[in-house]
Protein backbone atom coordinates (compact mmCIF):
# COMPACT_ATOMS: atom_id res chain seq x y z
CA UNK A 1 0.00 0.00 0.00
CA UNK A 2 1.32 3.45 -0.92
CA UNK A 3 2.17 5.77 1.96
CA UNK A 4 -0.39 8.44 2.74
CA UNK A 5 0.78 11.78 1.27
CA UNK A 6 -0.70 13.67 4.25
CA UNK A 7 1.54 11.79 6.66
CA UNK A 8 4.70 12.36 4.62
CA UNK A 9 3.91 16.10 4.31
CA UNK A 10 3.28 16.16 8.07
CA UNK A 11 6.65 14.50 8.74
CA UNK A 12 8.44 17.03 6.53
CA UNK A 13 6.58 19.88 8.24
CA UNK A 14 7.42 18.51 11.69
CA UNK A 15 11.12 18.36 10.76
CA UNK A 16 10.91 21.91 9.40
CA UNK A 17 9.45 23.03 12.76
CA UNK A 18 12.35 21.35 14.56
CA UNK A 19 14.81 23.15 12.28
CA UNK A 20 13.11 26.48 13.01
CA UNK A 21 13.38 25.81 16.75
CA UNK A 22 17.11 25.18 16.35
CA UNK A 23 17.55 28.37 14.31
CA UNK A 24 15.65 30.41 16.92
CA UNK A 25 17.89 28.96 19.62
CA UNK A 26 20.94 29.90 17.54
CA UNK A 27 19.52 33.41 17.04
CA UNK A 28 19.06 33.82 20.79
CA UNK A 29 22.67 32.74 21.31
CA UNK A 30 23.75 35.42 18.80
CA UNK A 31 21.77 38.03 20.72
CA UNK A 32 23.28 36.97 24.06
CA UNK A 33 26.79 37.20 22.59
CA UNK A 34 26.13 40.63 21.10
CA UNK A 35 26.40 39.37 17.52
CA UNK A 36 24.18 40.55 14.67
CA UNK A 37 21.41 37.98 14.08
CA UNK A 38 20.13 39.56 10.84
CA UNK A 39 21.17 36.73 8.53
CA UNK A 40 19.72 34.02 10.71
CA UNK A 41 16.53 36.05 11.22
CA UNK A 42 16.01 36.17 7.45
CA UNK A 43 16.47 32.40 7.29
CA UNK A 44 13.98 31.90 10.13
CA UNK A 45 11.42 34.13 8.41
CA UNK A 46 11.83 32.14 5.20
CA UNK A 47 11.36 28.87 7.08
CA UNK A 48 8.37 30.31 8.94
CA UNK A 49 6.69 31.24 5.67
CA UNK A 50 7.26 27.71 4.38
CA UNK A 51 5.92 26.27 7.66
CA UNK A 52 2.78 28.40 7.40
CA UNK A 53 2.21 27.25 3.82
CA UNK A 54 2.64 23.59 4.75
CA UNK A 55 0.28 23.88 7.72
CA UNK A 56 -2.34 25.43 5.43
CA UNK A 57 -1.77 22.64 2.90
CA UNK A 58 -2.17 20.01 5.63
CA UNK A 59 -5.32 21.69 6.96
CA UNK A 60 -6.91 21.84 3.51
CA UNK A 61 -6.00 18.24 2.78
CA UNK A 62 -7.38 17.09 6.14
CA UNK A 63 -10.66 18.95 5.63
CA UNK A 64 -10.98 17.40 2.18
CA UNK A 65 -10.23 13.90 3.50
CA UNK A 66 -12.71 14.20 6.38
CA UNK A 67 -15.48 15.70 4.26
CA UNK A 68 -15.13 13.03 1.53
CA UNK A 69 -14.75 10.29 4.18
CA UNK A 70 -11.42 9.10 2.80
CA UNK A 71 -10.29 8.61 6.41
CA UNK A 72 -12.16 7.58 9.52
CA UNK A 73 -13.38 10.15 11.99
CA UNK A 74 -10.96 8.83 14.59
CA UNK A 75 -8.04 9.27 12.18
CA UNK A 76 -9.34 12.75 11.29
CA UNK A 77 -9.36 13.66 14.98
CA UNK A 78 -5.84 12.30 15.45
CA UNK A 79 -4.56 14.28 12.48
CA UNK A 80 -6.34 17.41 13.67
CA UNK A 81 -4.54 17.03 17.01
CA UNK A 82 -1.18 16.74 15.20
CA UNK A 83 -2.05 19.80 13.12
CA UNK A 84 -3.03 21.77 16.24
CA UNK A 85 0.36 20.97 17.78
CA UNK A 86 2.14 22.27 14.67
CA UNK A 87 0.01 25.41 14.67
CA UNK A 88 0.81 25.99 18.35
CA UNK A 89 4.53 25.61 17.65
CA UNK A 90 4.24 28.11 14.81
CA UNK A 91 2.58 30.63 17.14
CA UNK A 92 5.29 30.05 19.75
CA UNK A 93 7.97 30.62 17.11
CA UNK A 94 6.30 33.85 16.04
CA UNK A 95 6.12 35.04 19.63
CA UNK A 96 9.77 34.25 20.35
CA UNK A 97 10.79 35.88 17.08
CA UNK A 98 8.81 39.03 17.84
CA UNK A 99 9.97 39.17 21.47
CA UNK A 100 13.54 39.69 20.29
CA UNK A 101 12.41 42.48 17.99
CA UNK A 102 10.18 44.31 20.47
CA UNK A 103 12.97 46.37 21.99
CA UNK A 104 13.66 48.60 18.95
CA UNK A 105 9.93 49.27 18.64
CA UNK A 106 9.75 50.29 22.29
CA UNK A 107 12.76 52.56 21.88
CA UNK A 108 11.20 54.20 18.80
CA UNK A 109 7.93 54.53 20.64
CA UNK A 110 9.57 56.24 23.60
CA UNK A 111 11.43 58.62 21.31
CA UNK A 112 8.27 59.55 19.44
CA UNK A 113 6.22 60.01 22.60
CA UNK A 114 8.41 62.73 24.02
CA UNK A 115 11.58 61.35 25.52
CA UNK A 116 13.64 58.32 26.32
CA UNK A 117 13.70 58.78 30.09
CA UNK A 118 11.66 56.48 32.30
CA UNK A 119 9.64 53.60 30.96
CA UNK A 120 8.80 53.74 27.30
CA UNK A 121 5.17 54.41 26.46
CA UNK A 122 3.44 52.08 24.07
CA UNK A 123 2.43 53.89 20.90
CA UNK A 124 0.65 51.64 18.37
CA UNK A 125 1.04 54.19 15.58
CA UNK A 126 4.83 53.98 15.73
CA UNK A 127 5.02 50.17 15.57
CA UNK A 128 6.59 48.88 12.38
CA UNK A 129 4.45 46.89 10.00
CA UNK A 130 5.32 43.18 9.83
CA UNK A 131 7.43 42.16 6.86
CA UNK A 132 4.77 39.69 5.65
CA UNK A 133 2.25 42.48 5.01
CA UNK A 134 4.57 45.35 4.18
CA UNK A 135 4.37 44.84 0.41
CA UNK A 136 0.58 44.25 0.28
CA UNK A 137 -1.98 46.82 -0.79
CA UNK A 138 -5.15 47.47 1.21
CA UNK A 139 -7.14 45.28 -1.18
CA UNK A 140 -4.61 42.45 -0.84
CA UNK A 141 -4.68 42.78 2.95
CA UNK A 142 -8.45 42.55 2.91
CA UNK A 143 -8.29 39.49 0.63
CA UNK A 144 -5.76 37.87 2.94
CA UNK A 145 -8.00 38.59 5.91
CA UNK A 146 -11.03 37.15 4.09
CA UNK A 147 -9.03 34.03 3.21
CA UNK A 148 -8.03 33.58 6.85
CA UNK A 149 -11.65 34.00 7.92
CA UNK A 150 -12.74 31.44 5.30
CA UNK A 151 -10.11 28.98 6.55
CA UNK A 152 -11.26 29.50 10.13
CA UNK A 153 -14.88 29.00 9.06
CA UNK A 154 -13.94 25.77 7.28
CA UNK A 155 -12.13 24.59 10.38
CA UNK A 156 -15.10 25.47 12.56
CA UNK A 157 -17.44 23.65 10.16
CA UNK A 158 -15.25 20.56 10.34
CA UNK A 159 -15.22 20.81 14.14
CA UNK A 160 -19.02 21.21 14.21
CA UNK A 161 -19.35 18.09 12.05
CA UNK A 162 -17.05 16.16 14.38
CA UNK A 163 -19.03 17.27 17.43
CA UNK A 164 -22.36 16.45 15.74
CA UNK A 165 -21.08 12.95 14.92
CA UNK A 166 -19.87 12.44 18.47
CA UNK A 167 -23.21 13.64 19.82
CA UNK A 168 -25.05 11.21 17.54
CA UNK A 169 -22.72 8.41 18.65
CA UNK A 170 -23.58 9.24 22.26
CA UNK A 171 -27.30 9.04 21.51
CA UNK A 172 -26.81 5.76 19.63
CA UNK A 173 -24.83 4.28 22.53
CA UNK A 174 -27.52 5.43 24.98
CA UNK A 175 -30.28 3.88 22.87
CA UNK A 176 -28.32 0.64 22.53
CA UNK A 177 -27.84 0.51 26.30
CA UNK A 178 -31.57 1.06 26.82
CA UNK A 179 -32.34 -1.78 24.39
CA UNK A 180 -29.82 -4.07 26.09
CA UNK A 181 -31.09 -3.23 29.59
CA UNK A 182 -34.78 -3.75 28.75
CA UNK A 183 -34.59 -7.57 28.55
CA UNK A 184 -32.38 -7.67 31.65
CA UNK A 185 -34.90 -5.58 33.63
CA UNK A 186 -37.81 -7.85 32.54
CA UNK A 187 -35.89 -10.95 33.64
CA UNK A 188 -35.06 -9.35 36.99
CA UNK A 189 -38.76 -8.64 37.80
């Protein structure tokens, strides 16, 4: 039997996530040693973009497989759990990447808000735009936002279907138990 393409893409994506974690660790070591982490940051951003694309590909493939019943519901749930773990790692990577970059934004913010003395004030208008959206027009940003909303809706629909199936299974099990208990109760009386 041929290997499932979803599982091989997942394995590749999991290894990519491990590589990103190593690069982030290396970047933090650069920062601690006072070295310039610019080159490694560019590499991490490139890997992060690839990771995001692969997670989207896995999510779309999983939704397609579950909706066409190519895999069992149990396998769909297992894969969704694996996908959720990858997504969580991606968010953690983004947070650790942005935490190292927050200091220049705070410094700029404090300079723009009237002085560098004391604690810097947060000024959302001074924050730099993320590199992923910097080159996009307003229309493209709106399209990207709509796509993200559509993906979330599809994920919520899949989750609703899973929950509806589990609810139905619960009712079926309850009915089966009632049917099984009925003869036992008649014998006991």
